């Protein structure tokens, strides 16, 4: 039983930092073909990065104020 608990604790100890690196990165991306903006977690080909934010709410607020995204 102790081995299982210890193994689970080790897995969580190594997995938590990896999850923290990917969590909290939101981008406002402008699709260059359709000229529309969206909040995404990773940039894909054909998108122009308009900004990088730590929360989805911050990205959405910033996107609302971008003149390139109002059309």
PDB file of N, CA and C in Angstrom:
ATOM      1  N   UNK A   1       0.828  -1.198   0.000  1.00  0.00           N
ATOM      2  CA  UNK A   1       0.000   0.000   0.000  1.00  0.00           C
ATOM      3  C   UNK A   1       0.871   1.259   0.000  1.00  0.00           C
ATOM      4  N   UNK A   2       1.934   1.221   0.783  1.00  0.00           N
ATOM      5  CA  UNK A   2       2.819   2.377   0.845  1.00  0.00           C
ATOM      6  C   UNK A   2       3.493   2.624  -0.496  1.00  0.00           C
ATOM      7  N   UNK A   3       3.812   1.542  -1.209  1.00  0.00           N
ATOM      8  CA  UNK A   3       4.458   1.677  -2.515  1.00  0.00           C
ATOM      9  C   UNK A   3       3.523   2.361  -3.513  1.00  0.00           C
ATOM     10  N   UNK A   4       2.264   2.053  -3.466  1.00  0.00           N
ATOM     11  CA  UNK A   4       1.286   2.654  -4.382  1.00  0.00           C
ATOM     12  C   UNK A   4       1.130   4.140  -4.089  1.00  0.00           C
ATOM     13  N   UNK A   5       1.042   4.480  -2.822  1.00  0.00           N
ATOM     14  CA  UNK A   5       0.906   5.885  -2.441  1.00  0.00           C
ATOM     15  C   UNK A   5       2.165   6.663  -2.831  1.00  0.00           C
ATOM     16  N   UNK A   6       3.318   6.073  -2.592  1.00  0.00           N
ATOM     17  CA  UNK A   6       4.570   6.723  -2.963  1.00  0.00           C
ATOM     18  C   UNK A   6       4.678   6.889  -4.476  1.00  0.00           C
ATOM     19  N   UNK A   7       4.293   5.879  -5.229  1.00  0.00           N
ATOM     20  CA  UNK A   7       4.330   5.963  -6.692  1.00  0.00           C
ATOM     21  C   UNK A   7       3.378   7.040  -7.202  1.00  0.00           C
ATOM     22  N   UNK A   8       2.193   7.120  -6.635  1.00  0.00           N
ATOM     23  CA  UNK A   8       1.226   8.148  -7.038  1.00  0.00           C
ATOM     24  C   UNK A   8       1.750   9.541  -6.724  1.00  0.00           C
ATOM     25  N   UNK A   9       2.389   9.694  -5.575  1.00  0.00           N
ATOM     26  CA  UNK A   9       2.945  10.997  -5.196  1.00  0.00           C
ATOM     27  C   UNK A   9       4.060  11.407  -6.149  1.00  0.00           C
ATOM     28  N   UNK A  10       4.903  10.469  -6.552  1.00  0.00           N
ATOM     29  CA  UNK A  10       5.970  10.774  -7.494  1.00  0.00           C
ATOM     30  C   UNK A  10       5.431  11.157  -8.867  1.00  0.00           C
ATOM     31  N   UNK A  11       4.413  10.453  -9.315  1.00  0.00           N
ATOM     32  CA  UNK A  11       3.804  10.782 -10.603  1.00  0.00           C
ATOM     33  C   UNK A  11       3.223  12.189 -10.559  1.00  0.00           C
ATOM     34  N   UNK A  12       2.527  12.535  -9.511  1.00  0.00           N
ATOM     35  CA  UNK A  12       1.958  13.874  -9.383  1.00  0.00           C
ATOM     36  C   UNK A  12       3.040  14.936  -9.275  1.00  0.00           C
ATOM     37  N   UNK A  13       4.122  14.607  -8.586  1.00  0.00           N
ATOM     38  CA  UNK A  13       5.202  15.581  -8.420  1.00  0.00           C
ATOM     39  C   UNK A  13       5.849  15.928  -9.753  1.00  0.00           C
ATOM     40  N   UNK A  14       5.958  14.968 -10.646  1.00  0.00           N
ATOM     41  CA  UNK A  14       6.565  15.229 -11.947  1.00  0.00           C
ATOM     42  C   UNK A  14       5.556  15.742 -12.969  1.00  0.00           C
ATOM     43  N   UNK A  15       4.295  15.406 -12.818  1.00  0.00           N
ATOM     44  CA  UNK A  15       3.283  15.828 -13.781  1.00  0.00           C
ATOM     45  C   UNK A  15       2.816  17.258 -13.536  1.00  0.00           C
ATOM     46  N   UNK A  16       2.786  17.702 -12.312  1.00  0.00           N
ATOM     47  CA  UNK A  16       2.275  19.037 -11.989  1.00  0.00           C
ATOM     48  C   UNK A  16       3.045  20.156 -12.689  1.00  0.00           C
ATOM     49  N   UNK A  17       4.371  20.167 -12.671  1.00  0.00           N
ATOM     50  CA  UNK A  17       5.087  21.242 -13.383  1.00  0.00           C
ATOM     51  C   UNK A  17       4.854  21.214 -14.897  1.00  0.00           C
ATOM     52  N   UNK A  18       4.718  20.033 -15.449  1.00  0.00           N
ATOM     53  CA  UNK A  18       4.466  19.933 -16.885  1.00  0.00           C
ATOM     54  C   UNK A  18       3.104  20.522 -17.236  1.00  0.00           C
ATOM     55  N   UNK A  19       2.123  20.280 -16.405  1.00  0.00           N
ATOM     56  CA  UNK A  19       0.800  20.850 -16.642  1.00  0.00           C
ATOM     57  C   UNK A  19       0.802  22.358 -16.432  1.00  0.00           C
ATOM     58  N   UNK A  20       1.584  22.823 -15.509  1.00  0.00           N
ATOM     59  CA  UNK A  20       1.648  24.262 -15.230  1.00  0.00           C
ATOM     60  C   UNK A  20       2.271  25.024 -16.387  1.00  0.00           C
ATOM     61  N   UNK A  21       3.160  24.401 -17.119  1.00  0.00           N
ATOM     62  CA  UNK A  21       3.793  25.076 -18.247  1.00  0.00           C
ATOM     63  C   UNK A  21       2.810  25.344 -19.374  1.00  0.00           C
ATOM     64  N   UNK A  22       1.855  24.444 -19.571  1.00  0.00           N
ATOM     65  CA  UNK A  22       0.919  24.627 -20.668  1.00  0.00           C
ATOM     66  C   UNK A  22      -0.323  25.400 -20.245  1.00  0.00           C
ATOM     67  N   UNK A  23      -0.659  25.383 -18.986  1.00  0.00           N
ATOM     68  CA  UNK A  23      -1.847  26.078 -18.518  1.00  0.00           C
ATOM     69  C   UNK A  23      -1.584  27.576 -18.456  1.00  0.00           C
ATOM     70  N   UNK A  24      -2.577  28.353 -18.797  1.00  0.00           N
ATOM     71  CA  UNK A  24      -2.457  29.784 -18.636  1.00  0.00           C
ATOM     72  C   UNK A  24      -1.857  30.527 -19.810  1.00  0.00           C
ATOM     73  N   UNK A  25      -1.721  29.900 -20.936  1.00  0.00           N
ATOM     74  CA  UNK A  25      -1.232  30.597 -22.119  1.00  0.00           C
ATOM     75  C   UNK A  25      -2.362  30.691 -23.126  1.00  0.00           C
ATOM     76  N   UNK A  26      -2.811  31.896 -23.325  1.00  0.00           N
ATOM     77  CA  UNK A  26      -3.866  32.141 -24.302  1.00  0.00           C
ATOM     78  C   UNK A  26      -3.373  33.192 -25.282  1.00  0.00           C
ATOM     79  N   UNK A  27      -3.703  33.007 -26.522  1.00  0.00           N
ATOM     80  CA  UNK A  27      -3.278  33.916 -27.569  1.00  0.00           C
ATOM     81  C   UNK A  27      -4.495  34.477 -28.290  1.00  0.00           C
ATOM     82  N   UNK A  28      -4.383  35.720 -28.721  1.00  0.00           N
ATOM     83  CA  UNK A  28      -5.362  36.271 -29.649  1.00  0.00           C
ATOM     84  C   UNK A  28      -4.736  36.098 -31.014  1.00  0.00           C
ATOM     85  N   UNK A  29      -5.395  35.317 -31.839  1.00  0.00           N
ATOM     86  CA  UNK A  29      -4.864  35.029 -33.166  1.00  0.00           C
ATOM     87  C   UNK A  29      -5.758  35.595 -34.247  1.00  0.00           C
ATOM     88  N   UNK A  30      -5.137  36.218 -35.227  1.00  0.00           N
ATOM     89  CA  UNK A  30      -5.845  36.755 -36.388  1.00  0.00           C
ATOM     90  C   UNK A  30      -5.641  35.791 -37.540  1.00  0.00           C
ATOM     91  N   UNK A  31      -6.723  35.199 -38.018  1.00  0.00           N
ATOM     92  CA  UNK A  31      -6.658  34.306 -39.170  1.00  0.00           C
ATOM     93  C   UNK A  31      -6.455  35.173 -40.405  1.00  0.00           C
ATOM     94  N   UNK A  32      -5.345  34.975 -41.093  1.00  0.00           N
ATOM     95  CA  UNK A  32      -5.001  35.856 -42.215  1.00  0.00           C
ATOM     96  C   UNK A  32      -5.840  35.605 -43.453  1.00  0.00           C
ATOM     97  N   UNK A  33      -6.517  34.473 -43.539  1.00  0.00           N
ATOM     98  CA  UNK A  33      -7.358  34.214 -44.713  1.00  0.00           C
ATOM     99  C   UNK A  33      -8.772  34.750 -44.527  1.00  0.00           C
ATOM    100  N   UNK A  34      -9.332  34.613 -43.324  1.00  0.00           N
ATOM    101  CA  UNK A  34     -10.705  35.073 -43.087  1.00  0.00           C
ATOM    102  C   UNK A  34     -10.763  36.427 -42.390  1.00  0.00           C
ATOM    103  N   UNK A  35      -9.614  36.895 -41.898  1.00  0.00           N
ATOM    104  CA  UNK A  35      -9.512  38.171 -41.183  1.00  0.00           C
ATOM    105  C   UNK A  35     -10.436  38.229 -39.973  1.00  0.00           C
ATOM    106  N   UNK A  36     -10.508  37.108 -39.247  1.00  0.00           N
ATOM    107  CA  UNK A  36     -11.266  37.050 -37.998  1.00  0.00           C
ATOM    108  C   UNK A  36     -10.320  36.687 -36.860  1.00  0.00           C
ATOM    109  N   UNK A  37     -10.636  37.189 -35.685  1.00  0.00           N
ATOM    110  CA  UNK A  37      -9.813  36.922 -34.502  1.00  0.00           C
ATOM    111  C   UNK A  37     -10.484  35.885 -33.621  1.00  0.00           C
ATOM    112  N   UNK A  38      -9.656  35.159 -32.879  1.00  0.00           N
ATOM    113  CA  UNK A  38     -10.168  34.210 -31.909  1.00  0.00           C
ATOM    114  C   UNK A  38      -9.136  34.018 -30.806  1.00  0.00           C
ATOM    115  N   UNK A  39      -9.620  33.555 -29.655  1.00  0.00           N
ATOM    116  CA  UNK A  39      -8.737  33.235 -28.536  1.00  0.00           C
ATOM    117  C   UNK A  39      -8.397  31.756 -28.660  1.00  0.00           C
ATOM    118  N   UNK A  40      -7.097  31.455 -28.711  1.00  0.00           N
ATOM    119  CA  UNK A  40      -6.637  30.084 -28.893  1.00  0.00           C
ATOM    120  C   UNK A  40      -5.571  29.761 -27.856  1.00  0.00           C
ATOM    121  N   UNK A  41      -5.321  28.466 -27.678  1.00  0.00           N
ATOM    122  CA  UNK A  41      -4.280  28.038 -26.748  1.00  0.00           C
ATOM    123  C   UNK A  41      -2.974  27.729 -27.459  1.00  0.00           C
ATOM    124  N   UNK A  42      -3.005  27.591 -28.770  1.00  0.00           N
ATOM    125  CA  UNK A  42      -1.778  27.435 -29.549  1.00  0.00           C
ATOM    126  C   UNK A  42      -1.988  28.060 -30.921  1.00  0.00           C
ATOM    127  N   UNK A  43      -0.918  28.606 -31.437  1.00  0.00           N
ATOM    128  CA  UNK A  43      -0.982  29.270 -32.732  1.00  0.00           C
ATOM    129  C   UNK A  43      -0.772  28.235 -33.837  1.00  0.00           C
ATOM    130  N   UNK A  44      -1.606  28.324 -34.858  1.00  0.00           N
ATOM    131  CA  UNK A  44      -1.462  27.414 -35.988  1.00  0.00           C
ATOM    132  C   UNK A  44      -0.993  28.193 -37.207  1.00  0.00           C
ATOM    133  N   UNK A  45      -0.629  27.472 -38.236  1.00  0.00           N
ATOM    134  CA  UNK A  45      -0.150  28.109 -39.460  1.00  0.00           C
ATOM    135  C   UNK A  45      -1.271  28.959 -40.058  1.00  0.00           C
ATOM    136  N   UNK A  46      -0.914  30.101 -40.581  1.00  0.00           N
ATOM    137  CA  UNK A  46      -1.896  30.997 -41.166  1.00  0.00           C
ATOM    138  C   UNK A  46      -2.511  31.964 -40.181  1.00  0.00           C
ATOM    139  N   UNK A  47      -1.993  31.991 -38.951  1.00  0.00           N
ATOM    140  CA  UNK A  47      -2.505  32.921 -37.948  1.00  0.00           C
ATOM    141  C   UNK A  47      -1.406  33.893 -37.547  1.00  0.00           C
ATOM    142  N   UNK A  48      -1.810  35.123 -37.333  1.00  0.00           N
ATOM    143  CA  UNK A  48      -0.896  36.155 -36.856  1.00  0.00           C
ATOM    144  C   UNK A  48      -1.186  36.371 -35.377  1.00  0.00           C
ATOM    145  N   UNK A  49      -0.144  36.293 -34.547  1.00  0.00           N
ATOM    146  CA  UNK A  49      -0.337  36.474 -33.111  1.00  0.00           C
ATOM    147  C   UNK A  49      -0.519  37.954 -32.804  1.00  0.00           C
ATOM    148  N   UNK A  50      -1.634  38.268 -32.161  1.00  0.00           N
ATOM    149  CA  UNK A  50      -1.944  39.644 -31.802  1.00  0.00           C
ATOM    150  C   UNK A  50      -1.605  39.930 -30.345  1.00  0.00           C
ATOM    151  N   UNK A  51      -1.390  38.886 -29.547  1.00  0.00           N
ATOM    152  CA  UNK A  51      -1.032  39.072 -28.146  1.00  0.00           C
ATOM    153  C   UNK A  51      -1.045  37.761 -27.394  1.00  0.00           C
ATOM    154  N   UNK A  52      -0.312  37.717 -26.271  1.00  0.00           N
ATOM    155  CA  UNK A  52      -0.230  36.529 -25.416  1.00  0.00           C
ATOM    156  C   UNK A  52      -0.679  36.929 -24.017  1.00  0.00           C
ATOM    157  N   UNK A  53      -1.538  36.113 -23.415  1.00  0.00           N
ATOM    158  CA  UNK A  53      -2.143  36.460 -22.130  1.00  0.00           C
ATOM    159  C   UNK A  53      -2.138  35.256 -21.198  1.00  0.00           C
ATOM    160  N   UNK A  54      -2.262  35.531 -19.898  1.00  0.00           N
ATOM    161  CA  UNK A  54      -2.228  34.477 -18.891  1.00  0.00           C
ATOM    162  C   UNK A  54      -3.608  33.926 -18.548  1.00  0.00           C
ATOM    163  N   UNK A  55      -4.663  34.577 -19.009  1.00  0.00           N
ATOM    164  CA  UNK A  55      -5.997  34.054 -18.751  1.00  0.00           C
ATOM    165  C   UNK A  55      -6.873  34.267 -19.982  1.00  0.00           C
ATOM    166  N   UNK A  56      -7.871  33.438 -20.099  1.00  0.00           N
ATOM    167  CA  UNK A  56      -8.789  33.543 -21.238  1.00  0.00           C
ATOM    168  C   UNK A  56      -9.572  34.845 -21.164  1.00  0.00           C
ATOM    169  N   UNK A  57      -9.942  35.240 -19.967  1.00  0.00           N
ATOM    170  CA  UNK A  57     -10.700  36.482 -19.798  1.00  0.00           C
ATOM    171  C   UNK A  57      -9.882  37.690 -20.242  1.00  0.00           C
ATOM    172  N   UNK A  58      -8.596  37.697 -19.914  1.00  0.00           N
ATOM    173  CA  UNK A  58      -7.731  38.807 -20.322  1.00  0.00           C
ATOM    174  C   UNK A  58      -7.573  38.844 -21.841  1.00  0.00           C
ATOM    175  N   UNK A  59      -7.463  37.682 -22.448  1.00  0.00           N
ATOM    176  CA  UNK A  59      -7.339  37.619 -23.910  1.00  0.00           C
ATOM    177  C   UNK A  59      -8.613  38.111 -24.587  1.00  0.00           C
ATOM    178  N   UNK A  60      -9.765  37.710 -24.064  1.00  0.00           N
ATOM    179  CA  UNK A  60     -11.030  38.152 -24.647  1.00  0.00           C
ATOM    180  C   UNK A  60     -11.218  39.658 -24.490  1.00  0.00           C
ATOM    181  N   UNK A  61     -10.833  40.197 -23.347  1.00  0.00           N
ATOM    182  CA  UNK A  61     -10.948  41.635 -23.122  1.00  0.00           C
ATOM    183  C   UNK A  61     -10.035  42.404 -24.075  1.00  0.00           C
ATOM    184  N   UNK A  62      -8.818  41.917 -24.240  1.00  0.00           N
ATOM    185  CA  UNK A  62      -7.878  42.576 -25.151  1.00  0.00           C
ATOM    186  C   UNK A  62      -8.351  42.479 -26.600  1.00  0.00           C
ATOM    187  N   UNK A  63      -8.907  41.331 -26.968  1.00  0.00           N
ATOM    188  CA  UNK A  63      -9.383  41.152 -28.327  1.00  0.00           C
ATOM    189  C   UNK A  63     -10.526  42.115 -28.642  1.00  0.00           C
ATOM    190  N   UNK A  64     -11.368  42.389 -27.662  1.00  0.00           N
ATOM    191  CA  UNK A  64     -12.492  43.306 -27.869  1.00  0.00           C
ATOM    192  C   UNK A  64     -12.003  44.724 -28.177  1.00  0.00           C
ATOM    193  N   UNK A  65     -10.812  45.075 -27.707  1.00  0.00           N
ATOM    194  CA  UNK A  65     -10.297  46.406 -27.945  1.00  0.00           C
ATOM    195  C   UNK A  65      -9.390  46.540 -29.148  1.00  0.00           C
ATOM    196  N   UNK A  66      -9.126  45.445 -29.859  1.00  0.00           N
ATOM    197  CA  UNK A  66      -8.231  45.491 -31.018  1.00  0.00           C
ATOM    198  C   UNK A  66      -8.995  45.878 -32.267  1.00  0.00           C
ATOM    199  N   UNK A  67      -8.505  46.907 -32.956  1.00  0.00           N
ATOM    200  CA  UNK A  67      -9.213  47.376 -34.149  1.00  0.00           C
ATOM    201  C   UNK A  67      -9.162  46.351 -35.275  1.00  0.00           C
ATOM    202  N   UNK A  68      -8.105  45.520 -35.327  1.00  0.00           N
ATOM    203  CA  UNK A  68      -8.015  44.498 -36.364  1.00  0.00           C
ATOM    204  C   UNK A  68      -9.066  43.398 -36.178  1.00  0.00           C
ATOM    205  N   UNK A  69      -9.575  43.275 -34.954  1.00  0.00           N
ATOM    206  CA  UNK A  69     -10.527  42.195 -34.627  1.00  0.00           C
ATOM    207  C   UNK A  69     -11.979  42.661 -34.653  1.00  0.00           C
ATOM    208  N   UNK A  70     -12.216  43.859 -35.083  1.00  0.00           N
ATOM    209  CA  UNK A  70     -13.596  44.380 -35.051  1.00  0.00           C
ATOM    210  C   UNK A  70     -14.213  44.395 -36.440  1.00  0.00           C
ATOM    211  N   UNK A  71     -14.194  43.333 -37.114  1.00  0.00           N
ATOM    212  CA  UNK A  71     -14.760  43.440 -38.428  1.00  0.00           C
ATOM    213  C   UNK A  71     -15.203  42.202 -38.953  1.00  0.00           C
TER     214      UNK A  71
END
